Amino acid sequence: MTKRPYVVDEMISAKSIAARIEALAQEIDREFADTDKLVVVGLLRGSFVFIADLVRELHLPVEVDFLEASSYGDGMESSREVRILKDLRSGIEGRDVLVVEDIIDTGFTMSHVLHMLRGREPRKLKVIALLDKPTRREVEIKADWTGFEIPDEFVVGYGIDFAQRNRNLPYIGKVRFTD
């Protein structure tokens, strides 16, 4: 299978991302000021860079766990059928939980994950998304905190991939096909 040639145009700089994460962490610190330990749940794989930078900016006791959900399979369009590929290692009943997502797009995955986690009866359940594409929303869902609202562009970098490439870019970039 040949891959279409493309370039990545920077949309959001590494410096802008770092500044926004610092501001978001301050808001999260205030929201969870009374917690004995915040369970920070990263949705794999795209959120791993974001979650690492975010937890380093928090001034709260944190526990980090990961959940992997998929609604895309091998395609580039959502199947709208969400599968849990990796579940949490610890229980969250009665605990404070922050779900960390890379992008909220159609909303199907986040809606499914939140429904599942609410069923486990956390004390408080909040969501932070690095990126939000509200024009793509098909399910009514809104993050409690959003890093950046972006147009309907195919983006990579800062943990987000295109065919398992470009996760290591320090910025968010728009994919532009050159053929």
Protein backbone atom coordinates (compact mmCIF):
# COMPACT_ATOMS: atom_id res chain seq x y z
CA MET A 1 0.00 0.00 0.00
CA THR A 2 1.49 3.35 -0.99
CA LYS A 3 0.97 6.28 1.30
CA ARG A 4 -0.08 9.63 -0.10
CA PRO A 5 2.70 12.21 0.23
CA TYR A 6 1.98 15.01 2.66
CA VAL A 7 3.50 17.86 4.62
CA VAL A 8 2.60 19.14 8.06
CA ASP A 9 1.93 22.85 8.49
CA GLU A 10 2.22 24.13 12.06
CA MET A 11 -1.14 25.22 13.54
CA ILE A 12 -0.42 25.49 17.27
CA SER A 13 3.15 26.02 18.47
CA ALA A 14 4.82 24.07 21.25
CA LYS A 15 5.12 27.34 23.19
CA SER A 16 1.37 28.02 22.88
CA ILE A 17 0.56 24.47 24.01
CA ALA A 18 2.83 24.77 27.06
CA ALA A 19 1.30 28.12 28.08
CA ARG A 20 -2.24 26.78 27.69
CA ILE A 21 -1.48 23.65 29.73
CA GLU A 22 -0.06 25.78 32.54
CA ALA A 23 -3.27 27.86 32.64
CA LEU A 24 -5.50 24.77 32.48
CA ALA A 25 -3.56 23.10 35.31
CA GLN A 26 -4.22 26.10 37.55
CA GLU A 27 -7.96 25.78 36.89
CA ILE A 28 -7.87 22.04 37.57
CA ASP A 29 -5.91 22.62 40.79
CA ARG A 30 -8.70 24.94 41.96
CA GLU A 31 -11.49 22.55 40.92
CA PHE A 32 -9.95 19.59 42.75
CA ALA A 33 -8.37 21.50 45.66
CA ASP A 34 -10.20 19.32 48.21
CA THR A 35 -9.15 15.97 46.73
CA ASP A 36 -6.96 13.50 48.59
CA LYS A 37 -5.79 12.11 45.21
CA LEU A 38 -6.89 12.87 41.66
CA VAL A 39 -7.14 9.91 39.30
CA VAL A 40 -5.98 11.23 35.92
CA VAL A 41 -7.18 8.90 33.17
CA GLY A 42 -5.50 9.25 29.79
CA LEU A 43 -7.28 7.96 26.71
CA LEU A 44 -4.69 6.13 24.69
CA ARG A 45 -2.92 6.60 22.47
CA GLY A 46 -3.17 10.20 21.39
CA SER A 47 -3.29 11.76 24.86
CA PHE A 48 0.01 10.38 26.21
CA VAL A 49 2.11 13.51 25.58
CA PHE A 50 -0.67 15.82 26.81
CA ILE A 51 -1.22 13.82 30.01
CA ALA A 52 2.53 13.77 30.78
CA ASP A 53 2.82 17.54 30.45
CA LEU A 54 -0.45 18.20 32.29
CA VAL A 55 0.30 16.11 35.39
CA ARG A 56 3.71 17.80 35.75
CA GLU A 57 1.90 21.16 35.99
CA LEU A 58 -0.64 19.99 38.61
CA HIS A 59 0.01 20.73 42.27
CA LEU A 60 -2.22 17.93 43.50
CA PRO A 61 -1.53 14.35 44.50
CA VAL A 62 -2.25 12.36 41.35
CA GLU A 63 -2.59 8.77 40.25
CA VAL A 64 -2.30 8.12 36.52
CA ASP A 65 -4.17 5.38 34.73
CA PHE A 66 -5.01 4.71 31.10
CA LEU A 67 -8.01 3.58 29.11
CA GLU A 68 -7.91 2.66 25.45
CA ALA A 69 -11.08 2.97 23.44
CA SER A 70 -11.51 2.77 19.69
CA SER A 71 -14.28 3.75 17.32
CA TYR A 72 -12.08 3.95 14.23
CA GLY A 73 -10.61 0.50 13.72
CA ASP A 74 -8.35 0.70 10.67
CA GLY A 75 -10.27 3.47 8.93
CA MET A 76 -10.15 7.25 9.11
CA GLU A 77 -13.89 7.66 9.76
CA SER A 78 -15.58 6.70 13.02
CA SER A 79 -17.53 3.42 12.94
CA ARG A 80 -19.64 4.85 15.80
CA GLU A 81 -19.15 1.52 17.54
CA VAL A 82 -16.87 2.07 20.54
CA ARG A 83 -14.76 -0.79 21.84
CA ILE A 84 -12.74 -0.73 25.06
CA LEU A 85 -9.31 -2.19 24.26
CA LYS A 86 -7.69 -1.50 27.67
CA ASP A 87 -9.59 -0.80 30.88
CA LEU A 88 -8.49 0.95 34.06
CA ARG A 89 -6.32 -0.98 36.51
CA SER A 90 -7.91 0.54 39.62
CA GLY A 91 -11.43 1.18 40.81
CA ILE A 92 -12.75 4.76 40.78
CA GLU A 93 -15.79 4.45 43.04
CA GLY A 94 -15.98 7.51 45.32
CA ARG A 95 -12.84 9.00 43.76
CA ASP A 96 -12.11 12.22 41.86
CA VAL A 97 -11.44 11.50 38.19
CA LEU A 98 -10.12 13.66 35.35
CA VAL A 99 -10.37 12.12 31.87
CA VAL A 100 -7.71 13.43 29.48
CA GLU A 101 -8.47 13.28 25.74
CA ASP A 102 -6.44 14.45 22.75
CA ILE A 103 -9.35 15.45 20.46
CA ILE A 104 -13.11 15.49 20.84
CA ASP A 105 -14.42 15.01 17.33
CA THR A 106 -17.80 13.31 16.72
CA GLY A 107 -18.20 12.71 20.46
CA PHE A 108 -19.02 9.01 20.21
CA THR A 109 -15.92 7.75 22.02
CA MET A 110 -16.08 10.30 24.85
CA SER A 111 -19.82 9.77 25.32
CA HIS A 112 -19.30 6.02 25.63
CA VAL A 113 -16.34 6.38 28.00
CA LEU A 114 -18.17 8.84 30.26
CA HIS A 115 -21.27 6.64 30.40
CA MET A 116 -19.10 3.67 31.39
CA LEU A 117 -17.13 5.63 34.01
CA ARG A 118 -20.26 7.24 35.56
CA GLY A 119 -21.56 3.71 36.11
CA ARG A 120 -18.56 3.12 38.38
CA GLU A 121 -19.76 5.95 40.66
CA PRO A 122 -16.80 8.32 40.96
CA ARG A 123 -17.18 11.20 43.44
CA LYS A 124 -16.42 13.73 40.68
CA LEU A 125 -15.85 13.13 36.96
CA LYS A 126 -14.46 15.87 34.70
CA VAL A 127 -13.02 15.96 31.17
CA ILE A 128 -10.18 17.92 29.62
CA ALA A 129 -9.48 17.81 25.88
CA LEU A 130 -6.45 19.31 24.22
CA LEU A 131 -8.38 19.90 21.00
CA ASP A 132 -12.05 20.27 20.19
CA LYS A 133 -13.65 20.10 16.73
CA PRO A 134 -17.21 21.24 17.50
CA THR A 135 -18.23 21.33 13.83
CA ARG A 136 -17.81 17.53 13.68
CA ARG A 137 -19.96 16.78 16.75
CA GLU A 138 -22.66 14.14 16.31
CA VAL A 139 -23.20 13.42 20.01
CA GLU A 140 -23.90 16.18 22.53
CA ILE A 141 -20.72 16.27 24.62
CA LYS A 142 -18.59 19.09 25.96
CA ALA A 143 -15.31 18.96 27.85
CA ASP A 144 -15.05 20.82 31.15
CA TRP A 145 -11.76 22.27 29.89
CA THR A 146 -10.50 22.63 26.33
CA GLY A 147 -7.02 23.55 25.22
CA PHE A 148 -7.85 24.76 21.73
CA GLU A 149 -10.92 24.77 19.50
CA ILE A 150 -9.88 23.93 15.94
CA PRO A 151 -11.61 23.77 12.55
CA ASP A 152 -12.31 20.47 10.84
CA GLU A 153 -8.71 19.80 9.80
CA PHE A 154 -6.73 16.58 9.90
CA VAL A 155 -4.09 17.23 12.57
CA VAL A 156 -1.00 15.48 13.92
CA GLY A 157 1.73 16.05 16.46
CA TYR A 158 1.98 16.29 20.23
CA GLY A 159 0.97 12.64 20.53
CA ILE A 160 -1.58 12.61 17.71
CA ASP A 161 -0.69 10.42 14.73
CA PHE A 162 -1.37 9.78 11.08
CA ALA A 163 -0.84 6.07 10.40
CA GLN A 164 1.39 5.88 13.50
CA ARG A 165 3.59 8.78 12.33
CA ASN A 166 4.12 12.32 13.57
CA ARG A 167 3.27 11.66 17.26
CA ASN A 168 6.71 13.05 18.17
CA LEU A 169 6.19 16.53 16.70
CA PRO A 170 6.33 19.12 19.53
CA TYR A 171 3.47 21.14 18.01
CA ILE A 172 0.01 20.52 16.50
CA GLY A 173 0.15 20.57 12.72
CA LYS A 174 -2.34 20.35 9.89
CA VAL A 175 -1.78 17.59 7.35
CA ARG A 176 -1.68 18.85 3.78
CA PHE A 177 -1.55 16.24 1.02
CA THR A 178 0.84 17.12 -1.80
CA ASP A 179 -0.48 14.90 -4.60
